[in-house]
């Protein structure tokens, strides 16, 4: 599959605000923290026209409490990724590409037909607020906003690989992984140096300690 990359447009921020209101209404009792992440949140960079949204919950045991209300709000629950990322619940807004009925839940034993029967126009990553995975997403966004040279390097990478015929979106993401991991490490360090982000230092230290003990 070919990846569609589009120039930045302010409409992406407007689309995020619309989705933010919809999500907040769906899971308001959980008092979520909702952030626009990914390339559509950075500005001045080409991106897939997919709005990535990070939703932070204050308790990890509340993750499954989002499933019913998010389904009721019209999102598709991608249960297929839970085993690989148990700390996250992933939802998408799908756009049909065929006559096939859009799924409401994508289970682990179902083939994923992204780019064939449907496309995602919105990706929603629900995780626990303030954890390592929260910080890495927000730090990467803020770092690229604050460092134009890194933003330009990321855009150059996207342009270089745009001609590849990918197997799927996971294949596309794989071609960016080395760059993202390298920049992400710098981004987290920079992010934690900002005085307003001191509250996240303990979570990052705990993650680093756990990772070191496992390795």
N, C-alpha and C. Protein backbone atom coordinates (compact mmCIF):
# COMPACT_ATOMS: atom_id res chain seq x y z
N UNK A 1 0.83 -1.19 0.00
CA UNK A 1 0.00 0.00 0.00
C UNK A 1 0.87 1.25 0.00
N UNK A 2 0.39 2.29 -0.67
CA UNK A 2 1.07 3.57 -0.70
C UNK A 2 0.52 4.44 0.44
N UNK A 3 1.40 5.20 1.04
CA UNK A 3 1.02 6.09 2.13
C UNK A 3 0.76 7.48 1.58
N UNK A 4 -0.37 8.05 1.95
CA UNK A 4 -0.70 9.42 1.54
C UNK A 4 -0.18 10.40 2.57
N UNK A 5 0.70 11.29 2.13
CA UNK A 5 1.24 12.34 3.00
C UNK A 5 0.78 13.69 2.46
N UNK A 6 0.25 14.52 3.34
CA UNK A 6 -0.30 15.80 2.93
C UNK A 6 0.40 16.95 3.65
N UNK A 7 0.44 18.13 3.03
CA UNK A 7 1.00 19.31 3.71
C UNK A 7 0.18 19.65 4.94
N UNK A 8 0.83 20.27 5.91
CA UNK A 8 0.12 20.66 7.12
C UNK A 8 -1.04 21.61 6.82
N UNK A 9 -2.13 21.43 7.53
CA UNK A 9 -3.27 22.33 7.44
C UNK A 9 -3.83 22.60 8.83
N UNK A 10 -4.20 23.85 9.13
CA UNK A 10 -4.80 24.16 10.44
C UNK A 10 -6.09 23.39 10.70
N UNK A 11 -6.68 22.85 9.64
CA UNK A 11 -7.92 22.07 9.81
C UNK A 11 -7.70 20.87 10.72
N UNK A 12 -6.47 20.37 10.78
CA UNK A 12 -6.20 19.22 11.64
C UNK A 12 -6.41 19.57 13.11
N UNK A 13 -6.05 20.76 13.51
CA UNK A 13 -6.28 21.17 14.90
C UNK A 13 -7.77 21.31 15.18
N UNK A 14 -8.51 21.81 14.19
CA UNK A 14 -9.96 21.92 14.34
C UNK A 14 -10.59 20.54 14.47
N UNK A 15 -10.11 19.60 13.66
CA UNK A 15 -10.63 18.23 13.73
C UNK A 15 -10.33 17.62 15.10
N UNK A 16 -9.15 17.89 15.62
CA UNK A 16 -8.82 17.40 16.96
C UNK A 16 -9.79 17.95 18.00
N UNK A 17 -10.07 19.24 17.94
CA UNK A 17 -10.97 19.85 18.92
C UNK A 17 -12.35 19.21 18.87
N UNK A 18 -12.81 18.90 17.67
CA UNK A 18 -14.11 18.24 17.52
C UNK A 18 -14.09 16.85 18.17
N UNK A 19 -13.02 16.11 17.89
CA UNK A 19 -12.90 14.77 18.46
C UNK A 19 -12.71 14.84 19.98
N UNK A 20 -11.99 15.83 20.44
CA UNK A 20 -11.77 15.98 21.87
C UNK A 20 -13.10 16.16 22.60
N UNK A 21 -13.97 16.98 22.06
CA UNK A 21 -15.28 17.19 22.68
C UNK A 21 -16.09 15.90 22.69
N UNK A 22 -16.01 15.16 21.60
CA UNK A 22 -16.75 13.90 21.49
C UNK A 22 -16.25 12.87 22.50
N UNK A 23 -14.93 12.75 22.62
CA UNK A 23 -14.34 11.80 23.56
C UNK A 23 -14.64 12.20 25.00
N UNK A 24 -14.49 13.49 25.28
CA UNK A 24 -14.72 13.98 26.64
C UNK A 24 -16.16 13.73 27.06
N UNK A 25 -17.08 13.90 26.13
CA UNK A 25 -18.48 13.65 26.44
C UNK A 25 -18.72 12.17 26.71
N UNK A 26 -18.02 11.31 25.97
CA UNK A 26 -18.22 9.87 26.11
C UNK A 26 -17.72 9.34 27.45
N UNK A 27 -16.56 9.84 27.90
CA UNK A 27 -15.95 9.28 29.11
C UNK A 27 -15.71 10.35 30.18
N UNK A 28 -16.57 11.34 30.21
CA UNK A 28 -16.43 12.45 31.16
C UNK A 28 -16.28 12.00 32.62
N UNK A 29 -17.01 10.96 33.08
CA UNK A 29 -16.86 10.55 34.48
C UNK A 29 -15.43 10.13 34.85
N UNK A 30 -14.61 9.78 33.85
CA UNK A 30 -13.24 9.36 34.11
C UNK A 30 -12.27 10.54 34.14
N UNK A 31 -12.80 11.75 33.88
CA UNK A 31 -11.99 12.97 33.93
C UNK A 31 -10.71 12.84 33.10
N UNK A 32 -10.83 12.56 31.81
CA UNK A 32 -9.64 12.31 30.98
C UNK A 32 -8.85 13.58 30.68
N UNK A 33 -7.55 13.39 30.47
CA UNK A 33 -6.68 14.44 29.95
C UNK A 33 -6.46 14.10 28.48
N UNK A 34 -6.75 15.01 27.58
CA UNK A 34 -6.77 14.70 26.15
C UNK A 34 -5.80 15.61 25.41
N UNK A 35 -4.87 14.99 24.67
CA UNK A 35 -3.83 15.73 23.95
C UNK A 35 -3.82 15.34 22.47
N UNK A 36 -3.51 16.31 21.64
CA UNK A 36 -3.29 16.08 20.21
C UNK A 36 -1.82 15.71 20.03
N UNK A 37 -1.53 14.54 19.45
CA UNK A 37 -0.15 14.10 19.26
C UNK A 37 0.08 13.73 17.80
N UNK A 38 1.28 13.25 17.51
CA UNK A 38 1.60 12.84 16.15
C UNK A 38 1.90 14.04 15.26
N UNK A 39 2.16 13.75 14.00
CA UNK A 39 2.59 14.79 13.07
C UNK A 39 1.54 15.85 12.82
N UNK A 40 0.26 15.49 12.87
CA UNK A 40 -0.78 16.50 12.62
C UNK A 40 -0.85 17.52 13.75
N UNK A 41 -0.19 17.23 14.88
CA UNK A 41 -0.17 18.16 16.01
C UNK A 41 1.06 19.05 16.00
N UNK A 42 2.04 18.72 15.17
CA UNK A 42 3.33 19.41 15.22
C UNK A 42 3.31 20.70 14.42
N UNK A 43 2.72 20.67 13.24
CA UNK A 43 2.71 21.86 12.39
C UNK A 43 3.94 21.93 11.51
N UNK A 44 3.77 22.49 10.31
CA UNK A 44 4.90 22.68 9.37
C UNK A 44 5.61 21.38 9.04
N UNK A 45 4.84 20.29 8.91
CA UNK A 45 5.41 19.00 8.53
C UNK A 45 4.34 18.21 7.79
N UNK A 46 4.77 17.46 6.77
CA UNK A 46 3.82 16.62 6.06
C UNK A 46 3.38 15.48 6.98
N UNK A 47 2.18 14.98 6.74
CA UNK A 47 1.64 13.94 7.62
C UNK A 47 0.56 13.15 6.92
N UNK A 48 0.35 11.93 7.40
CA UNK A 48 -0.86 11.20 7.00
C UNK A 48 -2.04 11.98 7.56
N UNK A 49 -3.13 12.10 6.82
CA UNK A 49 -4.29 12.86 7.32
C UNK A 49 -5.09 12.06 8.35
N UNK A 50 -4.40 11.68 9.41
CA UNK A 50 -5.00 10.91 10.50
C UNK A 50 -4.74 11.67 11.80
N UNK A 51 -5.78 11.95 12.54
CA UNK A 51 -5.65 12.69 13.80
C UNK A 51 -5.33 11.71 14.92
N UNK A 52 -4.13 11.85 15.50
CA UNK A 52 -3.74 11.00 16.63
C UNK A 52 -4.04 11.72 17.93
N UNK A 53 -4.70 11.01 18.83
CA UNK A 53 -5.14 11.60 20.09
C UNK A 53 -4.68 10.73 21.25
N UNK A 54 -4.11 11.36 22.25
CA UNK A 54 -3.67 10.68 23.46
C UNK A 54 -4.64 11.01 24.58
N UNK A 55 -5.22 9.98 25.19
CA UNK A 55 -6.18 10.16 26.28
C UNK A 55 -5.57 9.57 27.54
N UNK A 56 -5.40 10.41 28.55
CA UNK A 56 -4.81 9.96 29.81
C UNK A 56 -5.86 9.77 30.89
N UNK A 57 -5.84 8.59 31.51
CA UNK A 57 -6.72 8.30 32.64
C UNK A 57 -5.90 8.32 33.92
N UNK A 58 -6.52 8.65 35.01
CA UNK A 58 -5.79 8.80 36.27
C UNK A 58 -5.58 7.48 37.00
N UNK A 59 -6.27 6.43 36.57
CA UNK A 59 -6.10 5.11 37.18
C UNK A 59 -6.02 4.07 36.07
N UNK A 60 -5.03 3.18 36.14
CA UNK A 60 -4.87 2.18 35.08
C UNK A 60 -6.04 1.20 35.03
N UNK A 61 -6.68 0.98 36.18
CA UNK A 61 -7.80 0.04 36.18
C UNK A 61 -9.04 0.59 35.48
N UNK A 62 -8.98 1.85 35.07
CA UNK A 62 -10.11 2.46 34.36
C UNK A 62 -10.05 2.23 32.85
N UNK A 63 -8.98 1.61 32.35
CA UNK A 63 -8.83 1.44 30.91
C UNK A 63 -10.03 0.74 30.28
N UNK A 64 -10.43 -0.39 30.87
CA UNK A 64 -11.55 -1.14 30.29
C UNK A 64 -12.89 -0.43 30.46
N UNK A 65 -12.94 0.52 31.38
CA UNK A 65 -14.18 1.28 31.57
C UNK A 65 -14.46 2.21 30.40
N UNK A 66 -13.48 2.37 29.51
CA UNK A 66 -13.69 3.23 28.34
C UNK A 66 -14.34 2.49 27.18
N UNK A 67 -14.33 1.17 27.20
CA UNK A 67 -14.75 0.40 26.02
C UNK A 67 -16.20 0.66 25.66
N UNK A 68 -17.12 0.44 26.59
CA UNK A 68 -18.54 0.60 26.28
C UNK A 68 -18.88 2.02 25.84
N UNK A 69 -18.47 3.06 26.56
CA UNK A 69 -18.82 4.41 26.12
C UNK A 69 -18.17 4.82 24.81
N UNK A 70 -16.97 4.35 24.53
CA UNK A 70 -16.33 4.70 23.26
C UNK A 70 -17.01 3.99 22.09
N UNK A 71 -17.44 2.77 22.30
CA UNK A 71 -18.22 2.08 21.27
C UNK A 71 -19.54 2.81 21.04
N UNK A 72 -20.18 3.24 22.12
CA UNK A 72 -21.44 3.96 22.00
C UNK A 72 -21.26 5.29 21.28
N UNK A 73 -20.06 5.86 21.38
CA UNK A 73 -19.77 7.14 20.71
C UNK A 73 -19.45 6.95 19.23
N UNK A 74 -19.39 5.68 18.79
CA UNK A 74 -19.19 5.41 17.37
C UNK A 74 -17.79 5.04 16.96
N UNK A 75 -16.89 4.84 17.92
CA UNK A 75 -15.52 4.46 17.59
C UNK A 75 -15.40 2.94 17.50
N UNK A 76 -14.41 2.48 16.77
CA UNK A 76 -14.09 1.05 16.68
C UNK A 76 -12.99 0.72 17.68
N UNK A 77 -13.18 -0.33 18.44
CA UNK A 77 -12.22 -0.76 19.45
C UNK A 77 -11.29 -1.79 18.83
N UNK A 78 -9.98 -1.50 18.81
CA UNK A 78 -9.00 -2.41 18.23
C UNK A 78 -8.42 -3.28 19.36
N UNK A 79 -9.15 -4.30 19.71
CA UNK A 79 -8.73 -5.21 20.78
C UNK A 79 -7.49 -6.01 20.36
N UNK A 80 -7.26 -6.11 19.05
CA UNK A 80 -6.17 -6.92 18.52
C UNK A 80 -4.80 -6.51 19.03
N UNK A 81 -4.64 -5.26 19.46
CA UNK A 81 -3.33 -4.78 19.90
C UNK A 81 -3.12 -4.89 21.41
N UNK A 82 -4.11 -5.39 22.13
CA UNK A 82 -4.01 -5.40 23.60
C UNK A 82 -2.87 -6.27 24.13
N UNK A 83 -2.62 -7.40 23.46
CA UNK A 83 -1.58 -8.30 23.95
C UNK A 83 -0.20 -7.65 23.82
N UNK A 84 0.04 -6.98 22.70
CA UNK A 84 1.33 -6.32 22.50
C UNK A 84 1.48 -5.08 23.37
N UNK A 85 0.37 -4.39 23.62
CA UNK A 85 0.40 -3.16 24.40
C UNK A 85 -0.69 -3.21 25.47
N UNK A 86 -0.50 -3.99 26.52
CA UNK A 86 -1.54 -4.14 27.54
C UNK A 86 -1.84 -2.87 28.32
N UNK A 87 -0.94 -1.91 28.26
CA UNK A 87 -1.12 -0.63 28.97
C UNK A 87 -2.01 0.34 28.20
N UNK A 88 -2.49 -0.05 27.02
CA UNK A 88 -3.23 0.85 26.15
C UNK A 88 -4.54 0.22 25.68
N UNK A 89 -5.56 1.08 25.51
CA UNK A 89 -6.76 0.69 24.78
C UNK A 89 -6.81 1.59 23.55
N UNK A 90 -6.96 0.98 22.39
CA UNK A 90 -6.82 1.70 21.12
C UNK A 90 -8.15 1.72 20.38
N UNK A 91 -8.54 2.92 19.99
CA UNK A 91 -9.79 3.12 19.25
C UNK A 91 -9.50 3.88 17.96
N UNK A 92 -10.32 3.64 16.96
CA UNK A 92 -10.16 4.33 15.68
C UNK A 92 -11.52 4.78 15.17
N UNK A 93 -11.48 5.78 14.32
CA UNK A 93 -12.66 6.15 13.54
C UNK A 93 -12.38 5.72 12.11
N UNK A 94 -13.23 4.86 11.57
CA UNK A 94 -12.97 4.26 10.27
C UNK A 94 -13.75 4.91 9.15
N UNK A 95 -13.13 4.90 7.97
CA UNK A 95 -13.76 5.35 6.73
C UNK A 95 -13.78 4.17 5.77
N UNK A 96 -14.94 3.83 5.26
CA UNK A 96 -15.08 2.65 4.40
C UNK A 96 -14.41 2.86 3.05
N UNK A 97 -13.74 1.79 2.56
CA UNK A 97 -13.16 1.79 1.22
C UNK A 97 -13.81 0.75 0.33
N UNK A 98 -14.72 -0.02 0.89
CA UNK A 98 -15.39 -1.07 0.13
C UNK A 98 -16.82 -1.19 0.64
N UNK A 99 -17.53 -2.18 0.13
CA UNK A 99 -18.91 -2.41 0.56
C UNK A 99 -18.97 -3.19 1.87
N UNK A 100 -17.83 -3.64 2.35
CA UNK A 100 -17.81 -4.41 3.59
C UNK A 100 -18.27 -3.55 4.76
N UNK A 101 -19.00 -4.18 5.68
CA UNK A 101 -19.50 -3.46 6.85
C UNK A 101 -18.34 -3.10 7.78
N UNK A 102 -18.34 -1.88 8.27
CA UNK A 102 -17.28 -1.45 9.17
C UNK A 102 -17.40 -2.19 10.51
N UNK A 103 -16.30 -2.73 11.02
CA UNK A 103 -16.35 -3.45 12.30
C UNK A 103 -16.46 -2.49 13.48
N UNK A 104 -17.08 -2.96 14.54
CA UNK A 104 -17.13 -2.18 15.78
C UNK A 104 -16.02 -2.60 16.74
N UNK A 105 -15.60 -3.87 16.64
CA UNK A 105 -14.48 -4.38 17.42
C UNK A 105 -13.59 -5.20 16.50
N UNK A 106 -12.28 -4.95 16.54
CA UNK A 106 -11.32 -5.75 15.79
C UNK A 106 -10.59 -6.65 16.79
N UNK A 107 -10.93 -7.93 16.77
CA UNK A 107 -10.39 -8.88 17.73
C UNK A 107 -9.06 -9.47 17.25
N UNK A 108 -8.30 -10.09 18.15
CA UNK A 108 -6.99 -10.62 17.79
C UNK A 108 -7.01 -11.64 16.66
N UNK A 109 -8.10 -12.39 16.52
CA UNK A 109 -8.15 -13.42 15.48
C UNK A 109 -8.72 -12.91 14.15
N UNK A 110 -8.97 -11.61 14.06
CA UNK A 110 -9.50 -11.03 12.84
C UNK A 110 -8.37 -10.41 12.02
N UNK A 111 -8.39 -10.61 10.69
CA UNK A 111 -7.40 -9.92 9.85
C UNK A 111 -7.69 -8.42 9.83
N UNK A 112 -6.64 -7.62 9.94
CA UNK A 112 -6.80 -6.17 9.89
C UNK A 112 -6.75 -5.71 8.44
N UNK A 113 -7.80 -5.02 8.00
CA UNK A 113 -7.92 -4.64 6.59
C UNK A 113 -7.72 -3.15 6.38
N UNK A 114 -6.85 -2.54 7.19
CA UNK A 114 -6.55 -1.12 6.99
C UNK A 114 -5.93 -0.93 5.61
N UNK A 115 -6.48 0.01 4.84
CA UNK A 115 -5.99 0.25 3.50
C UNK A 115 -6.66 -0.60 2.45
N UNK A 116 -7.46 -1.57 2.87
CA UNK A 116 -8.17 -2.44 1.93
C UNK A 116 -9.67 -2.21 2.02
N UNK A 117 -10.27 -2.56 3.15
CA UNK A 117 -11.71 -2.36 3.34
C UNK A 117 -12.02 -1.03 4.02
N UNK A 118 -11.04 -0.48 4.71
CA UNK A 118 -11.27 0.78 5.44
C UNK A 118 -9.95 1.48 5.73
N UNK A 119 -10.08 2.76 6.04
CA UNK A 119 -8.97 3.58 6.51
C UNK A 119 -9.33 4.17 7.87
N UNK A 120 -8.33 4.42 8.68
CA UNK A 120 -8.57 5.14 9.93
C UNK A 120 -8.35 6.62 9.69
N UNK A 121 -9.28 7.43 10.16
CA UNK A 121 -9.12 8.89 10.08
C UNK A 121 -8.78 9.49 11.44
N UNK A 122 -9.01 8.72 12.50
CA UNK A 122 -8.70 9.15 13.86
C UNK A 122 -8.16 7.95 14.64
N UNK A 123 -7.02 8.11 15.29
CA UNK A 123 -6.46 7.09 16.18
C UNK A 123 -6.48 7.62 17.61
N UNK A 124 -7.03 6.83 18.52
CA UNK A 124 -7.15 7.27 19.91
C UNK A 124 -6.42 6.28 20.82
N UNK A 125 -5.39 6.76 21.48
CA UNK A 125 -4.55 5.95 22.35
C UNK A 125 -4.93 6.27 23.80
N UNK A 126 -5.59 5.35 24.47
CA UNK A 126 -6.00 5.57 25.86
C UNK A 126 -5.02 4.86 26.78
N UNK A 127 -4.33 5.62 27.61
CA UNK A 127 -3.32 5.07 28.52
C UNK A 127 -3.45 5.76 29.88
N UNK A 128 -2.57 5.41 30.80
CA UNK A 128 -2.58 6.05 32.11
C UNK A 128 -1.78 7.34 32.06
N UNK A 129 -2.37 8.40 32.56
CA UNK A 129 -1.73 9.72 32.54
C UNK A 129 -0.45 9.73 33.38
N UNK A 130 0.58 10.40 32.85
CA UNK A 130 1.81 10.60 33.60
C UNK A 130 2.80 9.47 33.55
N UNK A 131 2.47 8.37 32.89
CA UNK A 131 3.39 7.24 32.78
C UNK A 131 4.43 7.50 31.69
N UNK A 132 5.39 6.58 31.58
CA UNK A 132 6.42 6.70 30.54
C UNK A 132 5.79 6.83 29.16
N UNK A 133 4.77 6.03 28.89
CA UNK A 133 4.17 6.06 27.56
C UNK A 133 3.43 7.36 27.30
N UNK A 134 2.90 7.97 28.34
CA UNK A 134 2.31 9.31 28.18
C UNK A 134 3.41 10.32 27.83
N UNK A 135 4.47 10.28 28.61
CA UNK A 135 5.54 11.26 28.43
C UNK A 135 6.20 11.14 27.06
N UNK A 136 6.46 9.92 26.60
CA UNK A 136 7.19 9.77 25.34
C UNK A 136 6.42 10.37 24.16
N UNK A 137 5.10 10.22 24.16
CA UNK A 137 4.29 10.79 23.08
C UNK A 137 4.30 12.32 23.13
N UNK A 138 4.07 12.87 24.30
CA UNK A 138 3.98 14.32 24.44
C UNK A 138 5.36 14.96 24.25
N UNK A 139 6.40 14.31 24.76
CA UNK A 139 7.76 14.84 24.62
C UNK A 139 8.19 14.88 23.16
N UNK A 140 7.89 13.84 22.41
CA UNK A 140 8.26 13.79 20.99
C UNK A 140 7.59 14.94 20.24
N UNK A 141 6.32 15.14 20.51
CA UNK A 141 5.59 16.25 19.87
C UNK A 141 6.22 17.59 20.21
N UNK A 142 6.41 17.84 21.50
CA UNK A 142 6.91 19.15 21.93
C UNK A 142 8.34 19.39 21.46
N UNK A 143 9.14 18.32 21.43
CA UNK A 143 10.54 18.45 21.00
C UNK A 143 10.62 18.85 19.53
N UNK A 144 9.81 18.24 18.69
CA UNK A 144 9.84 18.59 17.27
C UNK A 144 9.28 19.98 17.01
N UNK A 145 8.33 20.40 17.82
CA UNK A 145 7.82 21.78 17.70
C UNK A 145 8.93 22.77 18.05
N UNK A 146 9.70 22.45 19.08
CA UNK A 146 10.73 23.37 19.58
C UNK A 146 12.04 23.30 18.80
N UNK A 147 12.23 22.25 18.00
CA UNK A 147 13.49 22.05 17.29
C UNK A 147 13.22 21.87 15.79
N UNK A 148 13.19 22.97 15.05
CA UNK A 148 12.88 22.91 13.61
C UNK A 148 13.79 21.98 12.82
N UNK A 149 15.06 21.89 13.21
CA UNK A 149 16.00 21.04 12.46
C UNK A 149 15.62 19.56 12.56
N UNK A 150 15.10 19.14 13.72
CA UNK A 150 14.67 17.76 13.88
C UNK A 150 13.36 17.53 13.14
N UNK A 151 12.51 18.53 13.16
CA UNK A 151 11.25 18.44 12.40
C UNK A 151 11.55 18.27 10.91
N UNK A 152 12.51 19.03 10.41
CA UNK A 152 12.88 18.94 8.99
C UNK A 152 13.50 17.59 8.67
N UNK A 153 14.29 17.05 9.60
CA UNK A 153 14.89 15.74 9.39
C UNK A 153 13.82 14.65 9.33
N UNK A 154 12.81 14.78 10.19
CA UNK A 154 11.70 13.81 10.19
C UNK A 154 10.93 13.90 8.89
N UNK A 155 10.69 15.11 8.42
CA UNK A 155 9.98 15.27 7.16
C UNK A 155 10.79 14.70 6.00
N UNK A 156 12.10 14.90 6.01
CA UNK A 156 12.95 14.36 4.95
C UNK A 156 12.89 12.84 4.92
N UNK A 157 12.86 12.21 6.10
CA UNK A 157 12.72 10.76 6.18
C UNK A 157 11.40 10.32 5.56
N UNK A 158 10.33 10.98 5.91
CA UNK A 158 9.02 10.63 5.36
C UNK A 158 9.03 10.74 3.84
N UNK A 159 9.64 11.80 3.32
CA UNK A 159 9.68 12.00 1.88
C UNK A 159 10.50 10.91 1.19
N UNK A 160 11.58 10.46 1.83
CA UNK A 160 12.43 9.43 1.24
C UNK A 160 11.71 8.10 1.12
N UNK A 161 10.91 7.76 2.13
CA UNK A 161 10.27 6.44 2.13
C UNK A 161 8.87 6.46 1.52
N UNK A 162 8.40 7.63 1.10
CA UNK A 162 7.03 7.74 0.60
C UNK A 162 6.77 6.90 -0.64
N UNK A 163 7.81 6.63 -1.42
CA UNK A 163 7.62 5.89 -2.67
C UNK A 163 7.52 4.38 -2.46
N UNK A 164 7.82 3.92 -1.25
CA UNK A 164 7.79 2.48 -0.97
C UNK A 164 6.35 1.96 -0.98
N UNK A 165 6.18 0.77 -1.53
CA UNK A 165 4.88 0.10 -1.49
C UNK A 165 4.86 -0.77 -0.22
N UNK A 166 4.27 -0.25 0.84
CA UNK A 166 4.30 -0.92 2.14
C UNK A 166 3.27 -2.05 2.20
N UNK A 167 3.58 -3.04 3.04
CA UNK A 167 2.61 -4.12 3.26
C UNK A 167 1.38 -3.59 3.98
N UNK A 168 1.61 -2.72 4.95
CA UNK A 168 0.53 -2.14 5.74
C UNK A 168 1.10 -0.96 6.53
N UNK A 169 0.27 -0.36 7.38
CA UNK A 169 0.73 0.79 8.16
C UNK A 169 1.81 0.42 9.17
N UNK A 170 1.77 -0.82 9.66
CA UNK A 170 2.80 -1.26 10.59
C UNK A 170 4.16 -1.30 9.89
N UNK A 171 4.16 -1.68 8.62
CA UNK A 171 5.39 -1.69 7.82
C UNK A 171 5.91 -0.27 7.65
N UNK A 172 5.02 0.66 7.38
CA UNK A 172 5.40 2.08 7.25
C UNK A 172 6.01 2.59 8.56
N UNK A 173 5.34 2.29 9.66
CA UNK A 173 5.86 2.73 10.96
C UNK A 173 7.23 2.12 11.26
N UNK A 174 7.43 0.88 10.80
CA UNK A 174 8.71 0.22 11.01
C UNK A 174 9.86 0.94 10.34
N UNK A 175 9.59 1.53 9.19
CA UNK A 175 10.63 2.26 8.47
C UNK A 175 11.01 3.57 9.18
N UNK A 176 10.17 4.04 10.09
CA UNK A 176 10.46 5.26 10.84
C UNK A 176 10.98 4.98 12.24
N UNK A 177 10.94 3.72 12.65
CA UNK A 177 11.16 3.39 14.06
C UNK A 177 12.54 3.81 14.57
N UNK A 178 13.60 3.55 13.80
CA UNK A 178 14.94 3.88 14.28
C UNK A 178 15.09 5.37 14.54
N UNK A 179 14.57 6.19 13.62
CA UNK A 179 14.63 7.64 13.80
C UNK A 179 13.83 8.06 15.02
N UNK A 180 12.62 7.53 15.15
CA UNK A 180 11.75 7.93 16.25
C UNK A 180 12.36 7.57 17.60
N UNK A 181 12.92 6.36 17.71
CA UNK A 181 13.51 5.95 18.99
C UNK A 181 14.71 6.81 19.36
N UNK A 182 15.52 7.17 18.36
CA UNK A 182 16.68 8.02 18.63
C UNK A 182 16.25 9.41 19.09
N UNK A 183 15.30 9.99 18.38
CA UNK A 183 14.84 11.33 18.74
C UNK A 183 14.04 11.29 20.04
N UNK A 184 13.29 10.22 20.24
CA UNK A 184 12.47 10.11 21.45
C UNK A 184 13.32 10.17 22.71
N UNK A 185 14.47 9.52 22.70
CA UNK A 185 15.35 9.55 23.88
C UNK A 185 15.80 10.98 24.17
N UNK A 186 16.17 11.71 23.12
CA UNK A 186 16.57 13.11 23.30
C UNK A 186 15.38 13.95 23.76
N UNK A 187 14.22 13.65 23.19
CA UNK A 187 13.02 14.42 23.50
C UNK A 187 12.62 14.27 24.96
N UNK A 188 12.69 13.05 25.48
CA UNK A 188 12.32 12.83 26.88
C UNK A 188 13.27 13.57 27.82
N UNK A 189 14.57 13.49 27.52
CA UNK A 189 15.55 14.19 28.36
C UNK A 189 15.30 15.70 28.34
N UNK A 190 15.06 16.23 27.16
CA UNK A 190 14.77 17.67 27.02
C UNK A 190 13.47 18.04 27.74
N UNK A 191 12.46 17.21 27.58
CA UNK A 191 11.14 17.45 28.18
C UNK A 191 11.24 17.54 29.69
N UNK A 192 12.02 16.63 30.29
CA UNK A 192 12.13 16.60 31.74
C UNK A 192 12.95 17.76 32.29
N UNK A 193 13.73 18.41 31.43
CA UNK A 193 14.49 19.59 31.85
C UNK A 193 13.60 20.82 32.01
N UNK A 194 12.41 20.78 31.43
CA UNK A 194 11.52 21.92 31.53
C UNK A 194 10.89 21.92 32.93
N UNK A 195 10.95 23.04 33.64
CA UNK A 195 10.48 23.09 35.04
C UNK A 195 9.05 22.59 35.23
N UNK A 196 8.18 22.87 34.26
CA UNK A 196 6.78 22.48 34.41
C UNK A 196 6.57 20.97 34.30
N UNK A 197 7.61 20.24 33.88
CA UNK A 197 7.47 18.80 33.68
C UNK A 197 8.16 17.96 34.76
N UNK A 198 8.57 18.59 35.84
CA UNK A 198 9.24 17.86 36.92
C UNK A 198 8.36 16.75 37.50
N UNK A 199 7.06 16.94 37.42
CA UNK A 199 6.13 15.96 38.00
C UNK A 199 6.23 14.59 37.32
N UNK A 200 6.82 14.54 36.12
CA UNK A 200 6.90 13.28 35.38
C UNK A 200 8.22 12.55 35.61
N UNK A 201 9.15 13.14 36.34
CA UNK A 201 10.48 12.55 36.47
C UNK A 201 10.45 11.21 37.18
N UNK A 202 9.61 11.06 38.19
CA UNK A 202 9.56 9.80 38.94
C UNK A 202 9.10 8.65 38.05
N UNK A 203 8.12 8.91 37.19
CA UNK A 203 7.61 7.86 36.31
C UNK A 203 8.68 7.41 35.32
N UNK A 204 9.45 8.36 34.79
CA UNK A 204 10.51 8.01 33.85
C UNK A 204 11.62 7.25 34.56
N UNK A 205 11.96 7.68 35.77
CA UNK A 205 13.00 6.98 36.54
C UNK A 205 12.58 5.55 36.85
N UNK A 206 11.31 5.37 37.20
CA UNK A 206 10.80 4.03 37.49
C UNK A 206 10.85 3.15 36.25
N UNK A 207 10.48 3.70 35.11
CA UNK A 207 10.51 2.94 33.85
C UNK A 207 11.94 2.54 33.51
N UNK A 208 12.88 3.47 33.67
CA UNK A 208 14.28 3.19 33.36
C UNK A 208 14.82 2.10 34.28
N UNK A 209 14.44 2.15 35.55
CA UNK A 209 14.90 1.15 36.51
C UNK A 209 14.34 -0.23 36.17
N UNK A 210 13.06 -0.26 35.81
CA UNK A 210 12.42 -1.53 35.45
C UNK A 210 13.04 -2.11 34.19
N UNK A 211 13.28 -1.27 33.19
CA UNK A 211 13.87 -1.72 31.93
C UNK A 211 15.26 -2.27 32.16
N UNK A 212 16.02 -1.62 33.03
CA UNK A 212 17.39 -2.06 33.32
C UNK A 212 17.40 -3.42 34.01
N UNK A 213 16.45 -3.64 34.93
CA UNK A 213 16.41 -4.90 35.67
C UNK A 213 15.99 -6.05 34.77
N UNK A 214 15.12 -5.77 33.78
CA UNK A 214 14.68 -6.80 32.84
C UNK A 214 15.82 -7.20 31.92
N UNK A 215 16.56 -6.21 31.44
CA UNK A 215 17.66 -6.49 30.51
C UNK A 215 18.86 -7.14 31.23
